[in-house]
Amino acid sequence: MTRRKTTPRRKPKPLGGPRTYGRLQRALDDAARREIEAVLKETGGQVVAAATALGVSKVALWKRMRALGIKAKG
């Protein structure tokens, strides 16, 4: 049995990082930032509860928050 060659995984590009994006990407990032901040405010800064309310995993929310520059309170 021969082994399959695998290609190394690349890290995903950060969302909302220092790169210049088009107007659509900035608008999407701004909308996501506002929504996440609003849900975090409703849940008292609890990331797990906010992730549940948004329908995503806590890891996905942490990654998105980091990419958008949102700090968790606590």
C-alpha atoms as a PDB file:
ATOM      1  CA  MET A   1       0.000   0.000   0.000  1.00  0.00           C
ATOM      2  CA  THR A   2       1.454   3.363  -0.984  1.00  0.00           C
ATOM      3  CA  ARG A   3       1.028   6.504   1.014  1.00  0.00           C
ATOM      4  CA  ARG A   4      -0.728   9.485  -0.446  1.00  0.00           C
ATOM      5  CA  LYS A   5       1.200  12.689  -0.641  1.00  0.00           C
ATOM      6  CA  THR A   6      -0.373  15.421   1.405  1.00  0.00           C
ATOM      7  CA  THR A   7       0.111  19.101   0.895  1.00  0.00           C
ATOM      8  CA  PRO A   8       0.847  21.232   3.940  1.00  0.00           C
ATOM      9  CA  ARG A   9      -2.111  23.189   5.242  1.00  0.00           C
ATOM     10  CA  ARG A  10      -1.985  26.921   4.899  1.00  0.00           C
ATOM     11  CA  LYS A  11      -3.134  29.254   7.607  1.00  0.00           C
ATOM     12  CA  PRO A  12      -6.324  31.124   6.686  1.00  0.00           C
ATOM     13  CA  LYS A  13      -5.916  34.808   6.008  1.00  0.00           C
ATOM     14  CA  PRO A  14      -7.178  36.936   8.897  1.00  0.00           C
ATOM     15  CA  LEU A  15     -10.456  38.738   8.396  1.00  0.00           C
ATOM     16  CA  GLY A  16     -10.421  42.462   8.951  1.00  0.00           C
ATOM     17  CA  GLY A  17      -6.644  42.530   9.267  1.00  0.00           C
ATOM     18  CA  PRO A  18      -4.305  45.294   8.175  1.00  0.00           C
ATOM     19  CA  ARG A  19      -4.753  44.484   4.493  1.00  0.00           C
ATOM     20  CA  THR A  20      -6.839  46.733   2.339  1.00  0.00           C
ATOM     21  CA  TYR A  21     -10.140  45.121   1.424  1.00  0.00           C
ATOM     22  CA  GLY A  22     -12.853  46.239  -0.885  1.00  0.00           C
ATOM     23  CA  ARG A  23     -15.909  48.102   0.279  1.00  0.00           C
ATOM     24  CA  LEU A  24     -17.995  44.933   0.405  1.00  0.00           C
ATOM     25  CA  GLN A  25     -15.540  43.094   2.664  1.00  0.00           C
ATOM     26  CA  ARG A  26     -15.301  46.101   4.999  1.00  0.00           C
ATOM     27  CA  ALA A  27     -19.093  46.305   5.156  1.00  0.00           C
ATOM     28  CA  LEU A  28     -19.363  42.589   5.961  1.00  0.00           C
ATOM     29  CA  ASP A  29     -16.684  42.855   8.652  1.00  0.00           C
ATOM     30  CA  ASP A  30     -18.403  45.895  10.173  1.00  0.00           C
ATOM     31  CA  ALA A  31     -21.762  44.100  10.231  1.00  0.00           C
ATOM     32  CA  ALA A  32     -20.208  41.017  11.834  1.00  0.00           C
ATOM     33  CA  ARG A  33     -18.410  43.179  14.414  1.00  0.00           C
ATOM     34  CA  ARG A  34     -21.626  44.996  15.361  1.00  0.00           C
ATOM     35  CA  GLU A  35     -23.575  41.725  15.649  1.00  0.00           C
ATOM     36  CA  ILE A  36     -20.933  40.005  17.777  1.00  0.00           C
ATOM     37  CA  GLU A  37     -20.555  43.025  20.052  1.00  0.00           C
ATOM     38  CA  ALA A  38     -24.338  43.264  20.491  1.00  0.00           C
ATOM     39  CA  VAL A  39     -24.656  39.584  21.411  1.00  0.00           C
ATOM     40  CA  LEU A  40     -21.683  39.817  23.784  1.00  0.00           C
ATOM     41  CA  LYS A  41     -23.367  42.789  25.475  1.00  0.00           C
ATOM     42  CA  GLU A  42     -26.626  40.816  25.821  1.00  0.00           C
ATOM     43  CA  THR A  43     -24.800  37.833  27.338  1.00  0.00           C
ATOM     44  CA  GLY A  44     -22.708  39.930  29.714  1.00  0.00           C
ATOM     45  CA  GLY A  45     -19.492  39.181  27.858  1.00  0.00           C
ATOM     46  CA  GLN A  46     -19.856  35.403  28.114  1.00  0.00           C
ATOM     47  CA  VAL A  47     -18.313  34.046  24.929  1.00  0.00           C
ATOM     48  CA  VAL A  48     -19.812  30.552  25.267  1.00  0.00           C
ATOM     49  CA  ALA A  49     -23.335  31.954  25.658  1.00  0.00           C
ATOM     50  CA  ALA A  50     -22.761  34.365  22.769  1.00  0.00           C
ATOM     51  CA  ALA A  51     -21.522  31.527  20.547  1.00  0.00           C
ATOM     52  CA  THR A  52     -24.634  29.510  21.370  1.00  0.00           C
ATOM     53  CA  ALA A  53     -26.867  32.483  20.572  1.00  0.00           C
ATOM     54  CA  LEU A  54     -25.069  33.023  17.253  1.00  0.00           C
ATOM     55  CA  GLY A  55     -25.200  29.332  16.366  1.00  0.00           C
ATOM     56  CA  VAL A  56     -21.442  28.838  16.093  1.00  0.00           C
ATOM     57  CA  SER A  57     -18.858  27.036  18.186  1.00  0.00           C
ATOM     58  CA  LYS A  58     -16.966  28.957  20.842  1.00  0.00           C
ATOM     59  CA  VAL A  59     -13.720  28.336  18.932  1.00  0.00           C
ATOM     60  CA  ALA A  60     -15.204  29.796  15.742  1.00  0.00           C
ATOM     61  CA  LEU A  61     -16.400  32.847  17.677  1.00  0.00           C
ATOM     62  CA  TRP A  62     -12.994  33.308  19.360  1.00  0.00           C
ATOM     63  CA  LYS A  63     -11.260  33.161  15.962  1.00  0.00           C
ATOM     64  CA  ARG A  64     -13.697  35.629  14.429  1.00  0.00           C
ATOM     65  CA  MET A  65     -13.341  37.972  17.410  1.00  0.00           C
ATOM     66  CA  ARG A  66      -9.554  37.843  17.151  1.00  0.00           C
ATOM     67  CA  ALA A  67      -9.701  38.506  13.400  1.00  0.00           C
ATOM     68  CA  LEU A  68     -12.019  41.494  13.909  1.00  0.00           C
ATOM     69  CA  GLY A  69     -10.065  42.865  16.869  1.00  0.00           C
ATOM     70  CA  ILE A  70     -12.818  42.317  19.433  1.00  0.00           C
ATOM     71  CA  LYS A  71     -11.572  41.784  22.985  1.00  0.00           C
ATOM     72  CA  ALA A  72     -13.469  39.555  25.386  1.00  0.00           C
ATOM     73  CA  LYS A  73     -14.272  41.171  28.668  1.00  0.00           C
ATOM     74  CA  GLY A  74     -13.248  39.220  31.711  1.00  0.00           C
END
